[in-house]
Amino acid sequence: MRGLSSFEGQHEWYHEIFDVDLTKRPPTKTEEAFSVFSQLIRRYPDSIYVSDAKQRMVFLRNRLAKYENHVAQHYMDRGAYVAAINRAKYALEQYSGSPSTIQSLEVIAKAYDKLGMTDLAEQAASIYLANQSKDPNLSVEIEDSDPWYKIW
């Protein structure tokens, strides 16, 4: 019940109406729900709720990885390239298997390039390209358009 109460509100109908991107908000409830579901799986591995908890954890893991990439991109926009690299590496280490790891590799490659570390940038870019070519659907990014209420 604790996990479900933390999980609720992760995606509501009004988020779509107002074009709210929850990956840009601090994920305190997301982290709490992930922790509670992992405790459920660890404590009660034979429970009938384990399969549901695993599916919810995949969703939450992907949300957390997107948040980390959003923060890394924010650092890139501000010119804090070392911080962007560290945040993207953290996303790679903590949320491996998430579709957002390809974006993390891209941030790392661009940040190393901006720092003038060409050998590390080339290495990260080659890993990025190798992973990008495995699944072409993952590399397709939908450009964010301005929300309907933003007229300025």
N, C-alpha and C. Protein backbone atom coordinates (compact mmCIF):
# COMPACT_ATOMS: atom_id res chain seq x y z
N MET A 1 0.82 -1.19 0.00
CA MET A 1 0.00 0.00 0.00
C MET A 1 0.87 1.26 0.00
N ARG A 2 1.98 1.20 0.73
CA ARG A 2 2.87 2.37 0.76
C ARG A 2 3.41 2.67 -0.63
N GLY A 3 3.80 1.63 -1.33
CA GLY A 3 4.34 1.81 -2.67
C GLY A 3 3.32 2.38 -3.62
N LEU A 4 2.10 1.89 -3.54
CA LEU A 4 1.03 2.39 -4.40
C LEU A 4 0.69 3.83 -4.09
N SER A 5 0.70 4.19 -2.81
CA SER A 5 0.37 5.57 -2.46
C SER A 5 1.46 6.53 -2.95
N SER A 6 2.69 6.10 -2.95
CA SER A 6 3.77 6.93 -3.49
C SER A 6 3.76 6.93 -5.01
N PHE A 7 3.31 5.81 -5.58
CA PHE A 7 3.28 5.69 -7.03
C PHE A 7 2.15 6.52 -7.64
N GLU A 8 1.04 6.62 -6.94
CA GLU A 8 -0.09 7.41 -7.45
C GLU A 8 0.35 8.86 -7.62
N GLY A 9 -0.14 9.47 -8.64
CA GLY A 9 0.25 10.84 -8.92
C GLY A 9 1.43 10.95 -9.84
N GLN A 10 1.99 9.81 -10.24
CA GLN A 10 3.12 9.84 -11.15
C GLN A 10 2.68 10.27 -12.54
N HIS A 11 1.46 9.94 -12.87
CA HIS A 11 0.95 10.33 -14.18
C HIS A 11 -0.57 10.45 -14.07
N GLU A 12 -1.03 11.65 -14.01
CA GLU A 12 -2.46 11.91 -13.90
C GLU A 12 -2.98 12.49 -15.20
N TRP A 13 -4.27 12.52 -15.36
CA TRP A 13 -4.88 13.01 -16.59
C TRP A 13 -4.57 14.48 -16.84
N TYR A 14 -4.49 15.28 -15.78
CA TYR A 14 -4.25 16.71 -15.97
C TYR A 14 -2.81 17.01 -16.37
N HIS A 15 -1.90 16.08 -16.15
CA HIS A 15 -0.53 16.28 -16.62
C HIS A 15 -0.49 16.31 -18.14
N GLU A 16 -1.30 15.50 -18.78
CA GLU A 16 -1.35 15.51 -20.24
C GLU A 16 -2.05 16.75 -20.77
N ILE A 17 -3.09 17.17 -20.10
CA ILE A 17 -3.82 18.35 -20.56
C ILE A 17 -2.93 19.58 -20.52
N PHE A 18 -2.17 19.74 -19.44
CA PHE A 18 -1.32 20.91 -19.29
C PHE A 18 0.11 20.68 -19.75
N ASP A 19 0.36 19.55 -20.40
CA ASP A 19 1.66 19.23 -20.96
C ASP A 19 2.78 19.34 -19.91
N VAL A 20 2.58 18.70 -18.77
CA VAL A 20 3.54 18.72 -17.68
C VAL A 20 4.52 17.58 -17.87
N ASP A 21 5.80 17.89 -17.90
CA ASP A 21 6.83 16.86 -17.99
C ASP A 21 7.35 16.59 -16.58
N LEU A 22 6.91 15.49 -16.01
CA LEU A 22 7.27 15.17 -14.63
C LEU A 22 8.73 14.77 -14.47
N THR A 23 9.40 14.48 -15.57
CA THR A 23 10.82 14.13 -15.46
C THR A 23 11.67 15.35 -15.14
N LYS A 24 11.09 16.53 -15.22
CA LYS A 24 11.83 17.75 -14.91
C LYS A 24 11.62 18.20 -13.46
N ARG A 25 10.92 17.41 -12.69
CA ARG A 25 10.64 17.76 -11.30
C ARG A 25 11.39 16.82 -10.37
N PRO A 26 11.74 17.29 -9.19
CA PRO A 26 12.46 16.42 -8.25
C PRO A 26 11.68 15.15 -7.95
N PRO A 27 12.35 14.01 -8.02
CA PRO A 27 11.65 12.72 -7.94
C PRO A 27 11.57 12.11 -6.54
N THR A 28 11.22 12.89 -5.54
CA THR A 28 11.21 12.34 -4.19
C THR A 28 10.20 11.20 -4.03
N LYS A 29 8.99 11.39 -4.51
CA LYS A 29 7.98 10.33 -4.42
C LYS A 29 8.35 9.13 -5.29
N THR A 30 8.98 9.41 -6.42
CA THR A 30 9.40 8.34 -7.32
C THR A 30 10.44 7.46 -6.64
N GLU A 31 11.42 8.08 -6.01
CA GLU A 31 12.46 7.33 -5.31
C GLU A 31 11.87 6.53 -4.15
N GLU A 32 10.94 7.15 -3.43
CA GLU A 32 10.31 6.46 -2.30
C GLU A 32 9.52 5.23 -2.77
N ALA A 33 8.76 5.40 -3.84
CA ALA A 33 7.99 4.27 -4.38
C ALA A 33 8.91 3.16 -4.86
N PHE A 34 10.00 3.52 -5.53
CA PHE A 34 10.95 2.53 -6.01
C PHE A 34 11.53 1.74 -4.83
N SER A 35 11.88 2.45 -3.76
CA SER A 35 12.45 1.80 -2.58
C SER A 35 11.45 0.84 -1.93
N VAL A 36 10.20 1.27 -1.83
CA VAL A 36 9.19 0.43 -1.20
C VAL A 36 8.92 -0.82 -2.03
N PHE A 37 8.85 -0.66 -3.35
CA PHE A 37 8.62 -1.83 -4.20
C PHE A 37 9.81 -2.80 -4.15
N SER A 38 11.03 -2.26 -4.08
CA SER A 38 12.19 -3.16 -3.99
C SER A 38 12.21 -3.89 -2.65
N GLN A 39 11.76 -3.23 -1.59
CA GLN A 39 11.65 -3.91 -0.29
C GLN A 39 10.62 -5.03 -0.35
N LEU A 40 9.51 -4.79 -1.02
CA LEU A 40 8.48 -5.82 -1.17
C LEU A 40 9.05 -7.04 -1.88
N ILE A 41 9.78 -6.81 -2.95
CA ILE A 41 10.35 -7.93 -3.71
C ILE A 41 11.38 -8.69 -2.88
N ARG A 42 12.18 -7.94 -2.13
CA ARG A 42 13.22 -8.58 -1.32
C ARG A 42 12.63 -9.34 -0.14
N ARG A 43 11.65 -8.77 0.53
CA ARG A 43 11.09 -9.40 1.72
C ARG A 43 10.12 -10.54 1.41
N TYR A 44 9.33 -10.35 0.37
CA TYR A 44 8.28 -11.33 0.05
C TYR A 44 8.41 -11.77 -1.40
N PRO A 45 9.43 -12.56 -1.71
CA PRO A 45 9.65 -12.94 -3.12
C PRO A 45 8.56 -13.86 -3.69
N ASP A 46 7.77 -14.49 -2.85
CA ASP A 46 6.71 -15.39 -3.34
C ASP A 46 5.33 -14.73 -3.34
N SER A 47 5.28 -13.44 -3.10
CA SER A 47 4.01 -12.73 -3.03
C SER A 47 3.36 -12.63 -4.41
N ILE A 48 2.05 -12.52 -4.43
CA ILE A 48 1.35 -12.36 -5.70
C ILE A 48 1.54 -10.96 -6.27
N TYR A 49 2.09 -10.04 -5.48
CA TYR A 49 2.27 -8.66 -5.92
C TYR A 49 3.64 -8.39 -6.52
N VAL A 50 4.49 -9.39 -6.55
CA VAL A 50 5.86 -9.20 -7.03
C VAL A 50 5.90 -8.81 -8.51
N SER A 51 5.12 -9.45 -9.34
CA SER A 51 5.17 -9.13 -10.77
C SER A 51 4.69 -7.70 -11.03
N ASP A 52 3.65 -7.28 -10.32
CA ASP A 52 3.18 -5.90 -10.46
C ASP A 52 4.24 -4.91 -9.97
N ALA A 53 4.88 -5.23 -8.86
CA ALA A 53 5.91 -4.36 -8.31
C ALA A 53 7.09 -4.23 -9.28
N LYS A 54 7.46 -5.33 -9.92
CA LYS A 54 8.57 -5.28 -10.88
C LYS A 54 8.23 -4.39 -12.07
N GLN A 55 6.99 -4.47 -12.56
CA GLN A 55 6.59 -3.61 -13.68
C GLN A 55 6.60 -2.14 -13.28
N ARG A 56 6.13 -1.86 -12.09
CA ARG A 56 6.13 -0.48 -11.62
C ARG A 56 7.55 0.02 -11.41
N MET A 57 8.45 -0.86 -10.97
CA MET A 57 9.84 -0.46 -10.77
C MET A 57 10.52 -0.13 -12.09
N VAL A 58 10.18 -0.83 -13.15
CA VAL A 58 10.73 -0.51 -14.47
C VAL A 58 10.28 0.89 -14.89
N PHE A 59 9.01 1.19 -14.71
CA PHE A 59 8.50 2.52 -15.03
C PHE A 59 9.21 3.59 -14.20
N LEU A 60 9.36 3.34 -12.91
CA LEU A 60 10.00 4.31 -12.02
C LEU A 60 11.48 4.47 -12.35
N ARG A 61 12.15 3.36 -12.67
CA ARG A 61 13.56 3.44 -13.05
C ARG A 61 13.75 4.32 -14.29
N ASN A 62 12.87 4.15 -15.26
CA ASN A 62 12.96 4.96 -16.47
C ASN A 62 12.70 6.43 -16.16
N ARG A 63 11.76 6.71 -15.27
CA ARG A 63 11.49 8.09 -14.86
C ARG A 63 12.70 8.71 -14.18
N LEU A 64 13.33 7.96 -13.29
CA LEU A 64 14.49 8.48 -12.58
C LEU A 64 15.66 8.72 -13.53
N ALA A 65 15.84 7.84 -14.49
CA ALA A 65 16.92 8.02 -15.47
C ALA A 65 16.66 9.26 -16.32
N LYS A 66 15.43 9.49 -16.71
CA LYS A 66 15.10 10.69 -17.49
C LYS A 66 15.36 11.96 -16.68
N TYR A 67 15.06 11.92 -15.39
CA TYR A 67 15.32 13.07 -14.53
C TYR A 67 16.81 13.36 -14.46
N GLU A 68 17.62 12.32 -14.26
CA GLU A 68 19.07 12.52 -14.19
C GLU A 68 19.59 13.11 -15.50
N ASN A 69 19.07 12.66 -16.62
CA ASN A 69 19.49 13.21 -17.91
C ASN A 69 19.04 14.65 -18.07
N HIS A 70 17.88 14.97 -17.55
CA HIS A 70 17.42 16.35 -17.60
C HIS A 70 18.36 17.27 -16.82
N VAL A 71 18.77 16.82 -15.65
CA VAL A 71 19.70 17.61 -14.84
C VAL A 71 21.05 17.71 -15.54
N ALA A 72 21.52 16.62 -16.13
CA ALA A 72 22.79 16.65 -16.87
C ALA A 72 22.71 17.62 -18.04
N GLN A 73 21.59 17.64 -18.74
CA GLN A 73 21.43 18.57 -19.85
C GLN A 73 21.37 20.02 -19.34
N HIS A 74 20.79 20.23 -18.18
CA HIS A 74 20.79 21.55 -17.57
C HIS A 74 22.22 22.02 -17.30
N TYR A 75 23.03 21.11 -16.78
CA TYR A 75 24.43 21.45 -16.54
C TYR A 75 25.15 21.76 -17.85
N MET A 76 24.84 21.01 -18.90
CA MET A 76 25.45 21.28 -20.21
C MET A 76 25.07 22.67 -20.69
N ASP A 77 23.81 23.03 -20.54
CA ASP A 77 23.36 24.35 -20.98
C ASP A 77 24.03 25.47 -20.21
N ARG A 78 24.41 25.21 -18.97
CA ARG A 78 25.05 26.22 -18.13
C ARG A 78 26.57 26.22 -18.25
N GLY A 79 27.11 25.26 -18.97
CA GLY A 79 28.55 25.20 -19.14
C GLY A 79 29.29 24.45 -18.05
N ALA A 80 28.57 23.75 -17.20
CA ALA A 80 29.17 22.96 -16.13
C ALA A 80 29.36 21.54 -16.66
N TYR A 81 30.39 21.36 -17.48
CA TYR A 81 30.56 20.11 -18.21
C TYR A 81 30.97 18.95 -17.32
N VAL A 82 31.79 19.21 -16.32
CA VAL A 82 32.21 18.14 -15.41
C VAL A 82 31.00 17.64 -14.61
N ALA A 83 30.16 18.56 -14.17
CA ALA A 83 28.95 18.16 -13.44
C ALA A 83 28.02 17.37 -14.35
N ALA A 84 27.93 17.76 -15.62
CA ALA A 84 27.08 17.04 -16.57
C ALA A 84 27.60 15.61 -16.77
N ILE A 85 28.90 15.47 -16.89
CA ILE A 85 29.51 14.15 -17.04
C ILE A 85 29.20 13.28 -15.82
N ASN A 86 29.39 13.85 -14.64
CA ASN A 86 29.15 13.08 -13.41
C ASN A 86 27.69 12.66 -13.29
N ARG A 87 26.78 13.55 -13.64
CA ARG A 87 25.36 13.22 -13.55
C ARG A 87 24.97 12.16 -14.57
N ALA A 88 25.50 12.26 -15.77
CA ALA A 88 25.20 11.27 -16.80
C ALA A 88 25.81 9.91 -16.44
N LYS A 89 27.00 9.91 -15.87
CA LYS A 89 27.61 8.66 -15.43
C LYS A 89 26.80 8.02 -14.31
N TYR A 90 26.30 8.85 -13.42
CA TYR A 90 25.45 8.34 -12.35
C TYR A 90 24.21 7.67 -12.93
N ALA A 91 23.60 8.29 -13.93
CA ALA A 91 22.42 7.70 -14.58
C ALA A 91 22.76 6.37 -15.23
N LEU A 92 23.94 6.30 -15.85
CA LEU A 92 24.36 5.04 -16.47
C LEU A 92 24.57 3.94 -15.44
N GLU A 93 25.18 4.30 -14.32
CA GLU A 93 25.48 3.31 -13.30
C GLU A 93 24.24 2.85 -12.54
N GLN A 94 23.39 3.78 -12.16
CA GLN A 94 22.25 3.46 -11.32
C GLN A 94 21.05 2.90 -12.07
N TYR A 95 20.87 3.35 -13.31
CA TYR A 95 19.67 2.98 -14.05
C TYR A 95 20.01 2.29 -15.37
N SER A 96 20.95 1.36 -15.32
CA SER A 96 21.33 0.63 -16.53
C SER A 96 20.13 -0.16 -17.03
N GLY A 97 20.02 -0.25 -18.32
CA GLY A 97 18.88 -0.94 -18.91
C GLY A 97 17.76 0.00 -19.29
N SER A 98 17.85 1.22 -18.85
CA SER A 98 16.81 2.20 -19.18
C SER A 98 17.05 2.73 -20.59
N PRO A 99 15.99 3.04 -21.33
CA PRO A 99 16.18 3.61 -22.67
C PRO A 99 16.91 4.95 -22.64
N SER A 100 16.92 5.62 -21.51
CA SER A 100 17.57 6.93 -21.40
C SER A 100 19.09 6.84 -21.30
N THR A 101 19.63 5.64 -21.20
CA THR A 101 21.09 5.54 -21.10
C THR A 101 21.78 6.01 -22.37
N ILE A 102 21.11 5.90 -23.49
CA ILE A 102 21.70 6.37 -24.75
C ILE A 102 21.86 7.89 -24.70
N GLN A 103 20.88 8.57 -24.14
CA GLN A 103 21.00 10.02 -24.00
C GLN A 103 22.13 10.36 -23.02
N SER A 104 22.32 9.55 -21.99
CA SER A 104 23.42 9.78 -21.05
C SER A 104 24.76 9.69 -21.76
N LEU A 105 24.89 8.70 -22.63
CA LEU A 105 26.14 8.56 -23.40
C LEU A 105 26.37 9.76 -24.30
N GLU A 106 25.30 10.27 -24.88
CA GLU A 106 25.42 11.43 -25.75
C GLU A 106 25.87 12.66 -24.95
N VAL A 107 25.33 12.85 -23.77
CA VAL A 107 25.73 13.97 -22.92
C VAL A 107 27.20 13.86 -22.54
N ILE A 108 27.64 12.65 -22.21
CA ILE A 108 29.04 12.44 -21.84
C ILE A 108 29.95 12.78 -23.01
N ALA A 109 29.60 12.31 -24.20
CA ALA A 109 30.42 12.58 -25.38
C ALA A 109 30.50 14.07 -25.67
N LYS A 110 29.39 14.77 -25.60
CA LYS A 110 29.39 16.21 -25.88
C LYS A 110 30.16 16.99 -24.82
N ALA A 111 30.02 16.58 -23.56
CA ALA A 111 30.71 17.28 -22.48
C ALA A 111 32.23 17.11 -22.59
N TYR A 112 32.68 15.90 -22.88
CA TYR A 112 34.11 15.70 -23.06
C TYR A 112 34.63 16.50 -24.25
N ASP A 113 33.83 16.58 -25.29
CA ASP A 113 34.23 17.37 -26.45
C ASP A 113 34.36 18.85 -26.08
N LYS A 114 33.41 19.36 -25.32
CA LYS A 114 33.46 20.76 -24.89
C LYS A 114 34.65 21.03 -23.98
N LEU A 115 35.07 20.04 -23.22
CA LEU A 115 36.23 20.19 -22.33
C LEU A 115 37.55 20.04 -23.07
N GLY A 116 37.49 19.64 -24.33
CA GLY A 116 38.70 19.48 -25.11
C GLY A 116 39.40 18.15 -24.91
N MET A 117 38.75 17.23 -24.30
CA MET A 117 39.30 15.89 -24.08
C MET A 117 38.85 15.01 -25.24
N THR A 118 39.54 15.15 -26.35
CA THR A 118 39.09 14.52 -27.60
C THR A 118 39.12 13.00 -27.54
N ASP A 119 40.13 12.44 -26.87
CA ASP A 119 40.20 10.98 -26.82
C ASP A 119 39.03 10.39 -26.04
N LEU A 120 38.68 11.00 -24.91
CA LEU A 120 37.53 10.53 -24.15
C LEU A 120 36.22 10.82 -24.88
N ALA A 121 36.17 11.95 -25.58
CA ALA A 121 34.97 12.29 -26.35
C ALA A 121 34.76 11.29 -27.49
N GLU A 122 35.84 10.92 -28.17
CA GLU A 122 35.72 9.95 -29.25
C GLU A 122 35.30 8.58 -28.72
N GLN A 123 35.87 8.20 -27.59
CA GLN A 123 35.52 6.91 -26.99
C GLN A 123 34.04 6.89 -26.58
N ALA A 124 33.59 7.95 -25.93
CA ALA A 124 32.19 8.02 -25.52
C ALA A 124 31.26 8.09 -26.74
N ALA A 125 31.70 8.82 -27.78
CA ALA A 125 30.88 8.92 -28.99
C ALA A 125 30.78 7.57 -29.69
N SER A 126 31.86 6.81 -29.70
CA SER A 126 31.80 5.50 -30.34
C SER A 126 30.87 4.55 -29.58
N ILE A 127 30.89 4.63 -28.26
CA ILE A 127 29.97 3.80 -27.47
C ILE A 127 28.53 4.25 -27.71
N TYR A 128 28.34 5.56 -27.78
CA TYR A 128 27.01 6.10 -28.06
C TYR A 128 26.50 5.64 -29.41
N LEU A 129 27.34 5.74 -30.43
CA LEU A 129 26.92 5.33 -31.78
C LEU A 129 26.67 3.83 -31.86
N ALA A 130 27.48 3.05 -31.17
CA ALA A 130 27.27 1.60 -31.18
C ALA A 130 25.94 1.23 -30.54
N ASN A 131 25.60 1.90 -29.45
CA ASN A 131 24.34 1.61 -28.78
C ASN A 131 23.15 2.20 -29.53
N GLN A 132 23.37 3.31 -30.19
CA GLN A 132 22.30 3.94 -30.94
C GLN A 132 21.91 3.08 -32.13
N SER A 133 22.88 2.47 -32.75
CA SER A 133 22.60 1.68 -33.95
C SER A 133 21.92 0.35 -33.62
N LYS A 134 21.97 -0.09 -32.37
CA LYS A 134 21.33 -1.36 -32.00
C LYS A 134 19.81 -1.27 -32.12
N ASP A 135 19.27 -0.16 -31.69
CA ASP A 135 17.82 0.01 -31.74
C ASP A 135 17.51 1.40 -32.27
N PRO A 136 17.19 1.51 -33.54
CA PRO A 136 16.96 2.83 -34.11
C PRO A 136 15.77 3.56 -33.51
N ASN A 137 14.84 2.85 -32.90
CA ASN A 137 13.69 3.52 -32.29
C ASN A 137 14.09 4.31 -31.05
N LEU A 138 15.15 3.88 -30.38
CA LEU A 138 15.58 4.59 -29.19
C LEU A 138 16.23 5.92 -29.53
N SER A 139 16.82 6.03 -30.69
CA SER A 139 17.53 7.25 -31.02
C SER A 139 16.63 8.35 -31.55
N VAL A 140 15.40 8.01 -31.84
CA VAL A 140 14.47 9.01 -32.35
C VAL A 140 13.97 9.84 -31.18
N GLU A 141 14.25 11.11 -31.24
CA GLU A 141 13.81 12.03 -30.21
C GLU A 141 12.69 12.88 -30.77
N ILE A 142 11.63 12.99 -30.04
CA ILE A 142 10.54 13.86 -30.43
C ILE A 142 10.86 15.24 -29.88
N GLU A 143 10.87 16.22 -30.75
CA GLU A 143 11.19 17.57 -30.30
C GLU A 143 10.06 18.08 -29.42
N ASP A 144 10.47 18.71 -28.32
CA ASP A 144 9.49 19.28 -27.43
C ASP A 144 8.94 20.56 -28.04
N SER A 145 7.64 20.61 -28.18
CA SER A 145 7.03 21.83 -28.65
C SER A 145 6.55 22.61 -27.44
N ASP A 146 6.34 23.89 -27.64
CA ASP A 146 5.85 24.71 -26.55
C ASP A 146 4.44 24.26 -26.18
N PRO A 147 4.12 24.27 -24.91
CA PRO A 147 2.76 23.90 -24.50
C PRO A 147 1.74 24.87 -25.08
N TRP A 148 0.51 24.44 -25.16
CA TRP A 148 -0.53 25.23 -25.79
C TRP A 148 -0.79 26.52 -25.04
N TYR A 149 -0.51 26.54 -23.71
CA TYR A 149 -0.81 27.73 -22.92
C TYR A 149 0.31 28.77 -22.95
N LYS A 150 1.43 28.42 -23.57
CA LYS A 150 2.56 29.34 -23.61
C LYS A 150 2.48 30.15 -24.90
N ILE A 151 2.09 31.39 -24.81
CA ILE A 151 1.93 32.20 -26.00
C ILE A 151 3.03 33.24 -26.15
N TRP A 152 3.98 33.29 -25.25
CA TRP A 152 5.07 34.25 -25.37
C TRP A 152 6.29 33.63 -25.92
